């Protein structure tokens, strides 16, 4: 029995593949892998081309590792799911850790995974400036790949499962996502790019009302409704960052919307000129 084999592996139990997508995170990936040991029959790591020791460390911990140049979140996640040995798949990121309670709950459910149409969600809580935030979110992370696929989106890629077919697991997934303010700003910039591009690509119109109302509404939600006022400066900072996030998504969506209108306007103008026998010339 190798280090990645569950104590319930074998007849009468449904094996689970834990799938991790990774990129230059040798500092955190070990804890993520170790936290899956109790229930995972294998751990598959998909590396996007790390320049640190992520690949070597993952291999030393008994994982099956594949290197795949970064194609985007959803495609990379799907790439990993396709290379799993087992149909029941558990998704985890390098900066996440499965609590003992959650790992035990998954382990105890393995013999009963007879219905492939049922998926399982877990409660994820994040940290910021050294404090765990009380308010988390439920995310579908355990499912059968024969029944559900990964939502093809630029950001927030998750299995496409309806809430009616989802069962909540006990325990917590600890998301150790905070590294530094600089890193947080850089990731916000990347994620808001993807969110705005996704909105534009899906044909959602830009609405000034959203730009004006969503940021303050998000602050009220996070700071008061979610109780982040109890977390001191950490809670206030998180709430402000969410205001920034909403503004950035809104303005970037507007930028794409405006650029699209300008492109269509120029194309129509060029077509009219060509219809009239005119041609435009660009100075190279």
Protein backbone atom coordinates (compact mmCIF):
# COMPACT_ATOMS: atom_id res chain seq x y z
CA UNK A 1 0.00 0.00 0.00
CA UNK A 2 1.63 3.27 -1.10
CA UNK A 3 1.37 6.62 0.64
CA UNK A 4 -1.55 7.73 -1.53
CA UNK A 5 -3.79 4.69 -1.01
CA UNK A 6 -6.88 5.01 1.19
CA UNK A 7 -7.44 2.63 4.08
CA UNK A 8 -10.86 1.91 2.56
CA UNK A 9 -9.55 1.07 -0.88
CA UNK A 10 -10.75 -2.22 -2.35
CA UNK A 11 -14.02 -4.06 -2.72
CA UNK A 12 -17.13 -2.40 -1.34
CA UNK A 13 -15.60 1.06 -1.56
CA UNK A 14 -15.59 3.59 -4.39
CA UNK A 15 -12.06 4.92 -5.01
CA UNK A 16 -11.45 8.65 -5.26
CA UNK A 17 -8.87 10.59 -7.26
CA UNK A 18 -7.77 13.92 -5.80
CA UNK A 19 -6.81 16.34 -8.58
CA UNK A 20 -4.66 19.43 -7.99
CA UNK A 21 -3.70 22.09 -10.53
CA UNK A 22 -0.41 23.74 -9.59
CA UNK A 23 1.93 26.53 -10.57
CA UNK A 24 5.05 27.55 -8.58
CA UNK A 25 3.63 26.71 -5.15
CA UNK A 26 6.12 24.34 -3.51
CA UNK A 27 5.54 26.12 -0.19
CA UNK A 28 1.86 25.12 0.08
CA UNK A 29 1.27 22.07 -2.08
CA UNK A 30 2.66 19.59 0.45
CA UNK A 31 -0.04 20.45 3.02
CA UNK A 32 -2.75 20.14 0.35
CA UNK A 33 -1.51 16.70 -0.70
CA UNK A 34 -1.07 15.43 2.85
CA UNK A 35 -4.58 16.52 3.82
CA UNK A 36 -6.05 14.17 1.18
CA UNK A 37 -4.18 11.06 2.34
CA UNK A 38 -7.00 9.66 4.47
CA UNK A 39 -9.57 9.35 1.67
CA UNK A 40 -7.76 9.66 -1.68
CA UNK A 41 -6.72 6.53 -3.55
CA UNK A 42 -4.44 8.64 -5.72
CA UNK A 43 -3.40 12.26 -6.06
CA UNK A 44 -2.92 13.71 -9.53
CA UNK A 45 -1.00 16.97 -9.87
CA UNK A 46 -1.21 19.01 -13.07
CA UNK A 47 1.63 21.50 -13.23
CA UNK A 48 1.45 24.47 -15.57
CA UNK A 49 5.24 24.80 -15.89
CA UNK A 50 6.56 25.62 -12.42
CA UNK A 51 10.08 26.96 -12.10
CA UNK A 52 10.39 26.01 -8.43
CA UNK A 53 10.33 22.55 -6.85
CA UNK A 54 6.59 21.91 -7.14
CA UNK A 55 6.93 18.98 -9.55
CA UNK A 56 9.77 17.26 -7.69
CA UNK A 57 8.06 17.67 -4.31
CA UNK A 58 4.77 16.30 -5.62
CA UNK A 59 6.51 13.27 -7.10
CA UNK A 60 8.36 12.64 -3.83
CA UNK A 61 4.98 12.52 -2.05
CA UNK A 62 3.73 9.75 -4.31
CA UNK A 63 1.61 11.81 -6.69
CA UNK A 64 1.22 11.22 -10.39
CA UNK A 65 2.42 14.44 -11.99
CA UNK A 66 1.74 15.79 -15.48
CA UNK A 67 3.19 19.00 -16.88
CA UNK A 68 0.80 20.86 -19.17
CA UNK A 69 1.48 24.45 -20.35
CA UNK A 70 -1.17 26.69 -18.82
CA UNK A 71 -4.33 26.68 -21.04
CA UNK A 72 -6.65 28.45 -18.58
CA UNK A 73 -8.35 27.38 -15.37
CA UNK A 74 -11.22 25.30 -16.76
CA UNK A 75 -9.13 23.52 -19.39
CA UNK A 76 -6.35 22.77 -16.93
CA UNK A 77 -8.84 21.41 -14.40
CA UNK A 78 -10.45 19.24 -17.08
CA UNK A 79 -7.02 18.05 -18.23
CA UNK A 80 -6.40 16.78 -14.71
CA UNK A 81 -9.79 15.14 -14.35
CA UNK A 82 -9.27 13.26 -17.61
CA UNK A 83 -5.99 11.81 -16.31
CA UNK A 84 -7.45 10.56 -13.06
CA UNK A 85 -7.68 6.78 -12.72
CA UNK A 86 -11.01 6.84 -10.87
CA UNK A 87 -14.38 8.32 -11.81
CA UNK A 88 -15.03 9.89 -8.41
CA UNK A 89 -12.93 13.04 -8.35
CA UNK A 90 -12.05 15.44 -5.54
CA UNK A 91 -10.84 18.89 -6.64
CA UNK A 92 -8.39 20.81 -4.47
CA UNK A 93 -6.00 23.74 -5.02
CA UNK A 94 -2.43 24.03 -3.79
CA UNK A 95 -3.34 26.65 -1.18
CA UNK A 96 -6.18 24.59 0.35
CA UNK A 97 -6.13 22.10 3.22
CA UNK A 98 -8.80 19.50 4.03
CA UNK A 99 -9.73 19.51 7.73
CA UNK A 100 -9.63 16.22 9.64
CA UNK A 101 -13.42 16.32 10.02
CA UNK A 102 -13.92 16.78 6.28
CA UNK A 103 -11.42 14.05 5.39
CA UNK A 104 -13.14 11.65 7.79
CA UNK A 105 -16.57 12.47 6.38
CA UNK A 106 -15.42 11.76 2.82
CA UNK A 107 -13.76 8.53 3.95
CA UNK A 108 -16.95 7.31 5.63
CA UNK A 109 -19.03 8.10 2.56
CA UNK A 110 -16.85 6.12 0.12
CA UNK A 111 -18.72 2.81 0.44
CA UNK A 112 -21.99 4.61 -0.30
CA UNK A 113 -21.03 6.42 -3.49
CA UNK A 114 -23.45 4.35 -5.54
CA UNK A 115 -25.34 7.22 -7.19
CA UNK A 116 -23.16 8.97 -9.76
CA UNK A 117 -25.70 11.77 -10.15
CA UNK A 118 -25.12 12.99 -6.58
CA UNK A 119 -22.29 15.47 -6.03
CA UNK A 120 -20.89 16.83 -2.77
CA UNK A 121 -20.14 20.39 -1.71
CA UNK A 122 -17.90 21.53 1.11
CA UNK A 123 -17.55 24.68 3.17
CA UNK A 124 -14.45 26.73 2.34
CA UNK A 125 -13.12 29.46 4.62
CA UNK A 126 -10.31 31.84 3.65
CA UNK A 127 -7.70 33.81 5.55
CA UNK A 128 -6.51 37.40 5.31
CA UNK A 129 -3.71 39.21 7.16
CA UNK A 130 -3.32 36.37 9.63
CA UNK A 131 -7.00 35.87 10.50
CA UNK A 132 -9.53 33.28 9.39
CA UNK A 133 -12.73 34.82 8.06
CA UNK A 134 -15.95 33.49 9.59
CA UNK A 135 -18.04 33.63 6.44
CA UNK A 136 -17.18 31.07 3.79
CA UNK A 137 -18.85 29.51 0.76
CA UNK A 138 -20.07 26.10 -0.33
CA UNK A 139 -18.31 24.71 -3.40
CA UNK A 140 -18.88 21.44 -5.27
CA UNK A 141 -15.59 19.56 -5.10
CA UNK A 142 -16.47 15.85 -5.01
CA UNK A 143 -18.35 14.41 -8.00
CA UNK A 144 -18.42 11.67 -10.60
CA UNK A 145 -16.76 12.71 -13.88
CA UNK A 146 -18.95 10.38 -15.94
CA UNK A 147 -21.99 12.37 -14.90
CA UNK A 148 -20.71 15.97 -14.79
CA UNK A 149 -18.11 18.07 -16.56
CA UNK A 150 -16.24 21.25 -15.64
CA UNK A 151 -18.03 24.48 -16.49
CA UNK A 152 -16.16 26.04 -19.42
CA UNK A 153 -15.56 29.50 -18.01
CA UNK A 154 -12.56 31.78 -17.77
CA UNK A 155 -12.88 32.01 -13.98
CA UNK A 156 -14.79 30.18 -11.19
CA UNK A 157 -14.46 26.86 -12.99
CA UNK A 158 -16.42 24.20 -11.14
CA UNK A 159 -18.44 21.06 -11.96
CA UNK A 160 -21.80 21.81 -13.56
CA UNK A 161 -24.10 20.38 -10.92
CA UNK A 162 -27.52 21.63 -9.89
CA UNK A 163 -28.11 22.42 -6.23
CA UNK A 164 -30.84 19.76 -6.10
CA UNK A 165 -28.26 17.04 -6.78
CA UNK A 166 -25.77 18.32 -4.21
CA UNK A 167 -25.14 17.05 -0.68
CA UNK A 168 -23.19 19.11 1.86
CA UNK A 169 -20.19 17.51 3.53
CA UNK A 170 -19.22 18.02 7.16
CA UNK A 171 -15.98 19.81 7.98
CA UNK A 172 -14.02 22.64 6.44
CA UNK A 173 -11.71 23.29 3.53
CA UNK A 174 -9.16 25.83 4.76
CA UNK A 175 -8.17 28.25 1.99
CA UNK A 176 -4.77 29.76 2.76
CA UNK A 177 -5.01 32.17 -0.13
CA UNK A 178 -3.40 35.26 1.37
CA UNK A 179 0.29 35.73 0.65
CA UNK A 180 0.82 39.49 0.67
CA UNK A 181 -1.01 42.68 -0.29
CA UNK A 182 1.06 42.92 -3.48
CA UNK A 183 0.16 39.35 -4.43
CA UNK A 184 -3.50 39.98 -3.59
CA UNK A 185 -3.63 43.03 -5.86
CA UNK A 186 -1.91 41.15 -8.67
CA UNK A 187 -4.37 38.26 -8.44
CA UNK A 188 -7.33 40.63 -8.25
CA UNK A 189 -6.10 42.24 -11.44
CA UNK A 190 -5.90 38.83 -13.14
CA UNK A 191 -9.27 37.61 -11.87
CA UNK A 192 -11.11 40.83 -12.76
CA UNK A 193 -9.65 40.57 -16.26
CA UNK A 194 -11.12 37.09 -16.58
CA UNK A 195 -14.46 38.07 -15.02
CA UNK A 196 -14.89 41.05 -17.35
CA UNK A 197 -13.85 39.00 -20.39
CA UNK A 198 -16.30 36.28 -19.43
CA UNK A 199 -19.15 38.81 -19.07
CA UNK A 200 -18.31 40.41 -22.40
CA UNK A 201 -17.93 37.08 -24.21
CA UNK A 202 -21.32 35.91 -22.94
CA UNK A 203 -22.96 39.03 -24.37
CA UNK A 204 -23.88 40.64 -21.06
CA UNK A 205 -24.46 44.37 -21.60
CA UNK A 206 -22.58 46.93 -19.56
CA UNK A 207 -24.89 48.63 -17.08
CA UNK A 208 -23.94 51.86 -15.35
CA UNK A 209 -26.30 50.96 -12.51
CA UNK A 210 -24.19 47.89 -11.75
CA UNK A 211 -21.03 49.97 -11.64
CA UNK A 212 -22.62 52.44 -9.23
CA UNK A 213 -24.51 50.05 -7.00
CA UNK A 214 -22.57 46.79 -6.81
CA UNK A 215 -19.39 48.11 -5.08
CA UNK A 216 -21.16 49.74 -2.08
CA UNK A 217 -23.59 46.83 -1.89
CA UNK A 218 -20.68 44.42 -1.75
CA UNK A 219 -19.09 46.40 1.09
CA UNK A 220 -22.31 46.30 3.12
CA UNK A 221 -22.66 42.58 2.47
CA UNK A 222 -19.12 41.69 3.49
CA UNK A 223 -18.61 44.11 6.36
CA UNK A 224 -22.00 43.93 8.04
CA UNK A 225 -24.02 40.95 6.76
CA UNK A 226 -21.04 38.58 6.78
CA UNK A 227 -19.78 40.09 10.01
CA UNK A 228 -16.31 41.13 8.90
CA UNK A 229 -16.52 44.14 11.20
CA UNK A 230 -15.66 41.63 13.95
CA UNK A 231 -12.27 40.95 12.33
CA UNK A 232 -10.78 44.40 12.84
CA UNK A 233 -8.46 45.76 10.18
CA UNK A 234 -8.40 42.39 8.39
CA UNK A 235 -12.17 42.41 7.93
CA UNK A 236 -12.21 46.05 6.84
CA UNK A 237 -9.43 45.36 4.32
CA UNK A 238 -11.28 42.39 2.82
CA UNK A 239 -14.44 44.46 2.46
CA UNK A 240 -12.54 47.27 0.72
CA UNK A 241 -10.85 44.81 -1.60
CA UNK A 242 -14.28 43.53 -2.62
CA UNK A 243 -15.30 47.10 -3.44
CA UNK A 244 -12.18 47.37 -5.61
CA UNK A 245 -12.99 44.04 -7.23
CA UNK A 246 -16.47 45.11 -8.27
CA UNK A 247 -15.21 48.46 -9.60
CA UNK A 248 -12.45 46.79 -11.60
CA UNK A 249 -14.79 44.23 -13.14
CA UNK A 250 -17.27 46.98 -14.03
CA UNK A 251 -14.71 49.32 -15.59
CA UNK A 252 -12.99 46.51 -17.49
CA UNK A 253 -16.34 45.33 -18.80
CA UNK A 254 -17.04 48.89 -19.93
CA UNK A 255 -13.63 49.06 -21.60
CA UNK A 256 -14.31 45.87 -23.56
CA UNK A 257 -17.83 47.04 -24.40
CA UNK A 258 -16.53 50.39 -25.68
CA UNK A 259 -13.74 48.76 -27.66
CA UNK A 260 -16.25 46.40 -29.25
CA UNK A 261 -18.51 49.27 -30.25
CA UNK A 262 -15.54 51.16 -31.73
CA UNK A 263 -14.42 48.09 -33.68
CA UNK A 264 -17.92 47.57 -35.09
CA UNK A 265 -18.18 51.29 -35.93
CA UNK A 266 -14.87 51.26 -37.80
CA UNK A 267 -15.81 48.05 -39.64
CA UNK A 268 -19.14 49.54 -40.73
CA UNK A 269 -17.40 52.72 -41.88
CA UNK A 270 -14.85 50.72 -43.86
CA UNK A 271 -17.64 48.68 -45.48
CA UNK A 272 -19.48 51.84 -46.50
CA UNK A 273 -16.33 53.25 -48.07
CA UNK A 274 -15.70 50.04 -50.01
CA UNK A 275 -19.30 50.03 -51.21
CA UNK A 276 -18.72 53.54 -52.55
CA UNK A 277 -15.55 52.47 -54.31
CA UNK A 278 -13.28 54.13 -51.74
CA UNK A 279 -10.32 52.64 -49.93
CA UNK A 280 -8.56 53.72 -46.77
CA UNK A 281 -4.82 53.59 -46.34
CA UNK A 282 -2.85 53.24 -43.14
CA UNK A 283 0.61 54.75 -42.82
CA UNK A 284 2.96 51.91 -41.84
